[in-house]
Each structure stands twice: as C-alpha cells, then as structure tokens.
C-alpha atoms as a PDB file:
ATOM      1  CA  MET A   1     -21.444 -22.656 -29.380  1.00  0.00           C
ATOM      2  CA  LYS A   2     -23.193 -22.429 -25.831  1.00  0.00           C
ATOM      3  CA  ARG A   3     -23.413 -18.424 -24.137  1.00  0.00           C
ATOM      4  CA  VAL A   4     -24.001 -18.466 -20.153  1.00  0.00           C
ATOM      5  CA  LEU A   5     -23.839 -14.882 -18.569  1.00  0.00           C
ATOM      6  CA  LEU A   6     -23.311 -15.729 -14.615  1.00  0.00           C
ATOM      7  CA  VAL A   7     -24.747 -12.826 -12.511  1.00  0.00           C
ATOM      8  CA  CYS A   8     -24.276 -12.009  -8.720  1.00  0.00           C
ATOM      9  CA  VAL A   9     -24.852  -8.895  -7.094  1.00  0.00           C
ATOM     10  CA  GLU A  10     -20.680  -6.870  -6.548  1.00  0.00           C
ATOM     11  CA  ASN A  11     -18.660  -9.036  -9.653  1.00  0.00           C
ATOM     12  CA  SER A  12     -15.875  -9.569  -7.704  1.00  0.00           C
ATOM     13  CA  HIS A  13     -15.807 -13.347  -7.096  1.00  0.00           C
ATOM     14  CA  ARG A  14     -18.678 -15.469  -7.344  1.00  0.00           C
ATOM     15  CA  SER A  15     -19.690 -15.321 -11.148  1.00  0.00           C
ATOM     16  CA  GLN A  16     -16.070 -14.237 -12.072  1.00  0.00           C
ATOM     17  CA  MET A  17     -14.974 -17.925 -10.069  1.00  0.00           C
ATOM     18  CA  ALA A  18     -18.397 -19.217 -12.380  1.00  0.00           C
ATOM     19  CA  GLU A  19     -16.918 -18.108 -15.313  1.00  0.00           C
ATOM     20  CA  ALA A  20     -12.736 -19.051 -14.905  1.00  0.00           C
ATOM     21  CA  PHE A  21     -14.887 -22.499 -14.440  1.00  0.00           C
ATOM     22  CA  ALA A  22     -16.701 -22.440 -17.374  1.00  0.00           C
ATOM     23  CA  ARG A  23     -14.110 -21.794 -19.603  1.00  0.00           C
ATOM     24  CA  LEU A  24     -11.852 -24.180 -18.766  1.00  0.00           C
ATOM     25  CA  LEU A  25     -14.275 -27.335 -18.224  1.00  0.00           C
ATOM     26  CA  GLY A  26     -16.570 -26.026 -21.688  1.00  0.00           C
ATOM     27  CA  GLY A  27     -13.541 -24.666 -23.817  1.00  0.00           C
ATOM     28  CA  ALA A  28     -13.942 -23.489 -27.787  1.00  0.00           C
ATOM     29  CA  ALA A  29     -18.236 -24.910 -26.869  1.00  0.00           C
ATOM     30  CA  VAL A  30     -19.250 -22.485 -24.157  1.00  0.00           C
ATOM     31  CA  GLU A  31     -18.567 -18.986 -23.866  1.00  0.00           C
ATOM     32  CA  ALA A  32     -19.345 -17.569 -20.361  1.00  0.00           C
ATOM     33  CA  CYS A  33     -19.302 -13.434 -19.427  1.00  0.00           C
ATOM     34  CA  SER A  34     -19.793 -12.243 -14.919  1.00  0.00           C
ATOM     35  CA  ALA A  35     -21.595  -9.199 -14.125  1.00  0.00           C
ATOM     36  CA  GLY A  36     -23.255  -7.735 -11.293  1.00  0.00           C
ATOM     37  CA  SER A  37     -26.353  -5.610 -10.957  1.00  0.00           C
ATOM     38  CA  ARG A  38     -24.006  -3.462  -8.840  1.00  0.00           C
ATOM     39  CA  PRO A  39     -20.259  -3.488  -9.734  1.00  0.00           C
ATOM     40  CA  SER A  40     -18.069  -3.089  -6.991  1.00  0.00           C
ATOM     41  CA  GLY A  41     -14.866  -2.860  -9.648  1.00  0.00           C
ATOM     42  CA  VAL A  42     -12.143  -4.326  -7.465  1.00  0.00           C
ATOM     43  CA  ALA A  43     -11.194  -8.964  -6.833  1.00  0.00           C
ATOM     44  CA  ASN A  44     -12.009  -9.847  -4.017  1.00  0.00           C
ATOM     45  CA  PRO A  45      -9.047 -10.765  -3.238  1.00  0.00           C
ATOM     46  CA  LEU A  46      -9.436 -14.193  -1.645  1.00  0.00           C
ATOM     47  CA  ALA A  47     -10.968 -15.663  -4.385  1.00  0.00           C
ATOM     48  CA  ILE A  48      -8.122 -14.521  -6.541  1.00  0.00           C
ATOM     49  CA  ALA A  49      -6.454 -16.639  -4.235  1.00  0.00           C
ATOM     50  CA  ALA A  50      -8.310 -19.385  -4.247  1.00  0.00           C
ATOM     51  CA  MET A  51      -8.179 -19.194  -8.128  1.00  0.00           C
ATOM     52  CA  ALA A  52      -4.487 -19.627  -8.093  1.00  0.00           C
ATOM     53  CA  GLU A  53      -5.041 -22.655  -5.176  1.00  0.00           C
ATOM     54  CA  VAL A  54      -6.372 -24.400  -8.417  1.00  0.00           C
ATOM     55  CA  GLY A  55      -4.585 -23.156 -10.954  1.00  0.00           C
END
C-alpha cells in the first residue's frame, strides 16, 4: 500500500480535494491524508461545490 500526505496551508480545499481524488483513484492501494500548516478548521464552500459536481 502507498501512503500519501497532501499538505496545503489552510487544509480547507486543495489538499482535501487531492485526498479525495487519491482515495477515489487509488482504491485500496492508496492511503491518503490531508493536512495544513495553518489549518482553518473550515471547509471552503467552493471546494464542496466543485467536489459535488464530480460526485
């Protein structure tokens, strides 16, 4: 199994979206986690809408 850590500053959209795609595309072969160097604690509404568009 591959392990991937995806990091952005606020962990409010970029790394969370990347984590979702890594899990989706990697399946059981990938363990993905997202983090932020200064986490905002709130998900970006635009990221939520964008991910909803792709399912």
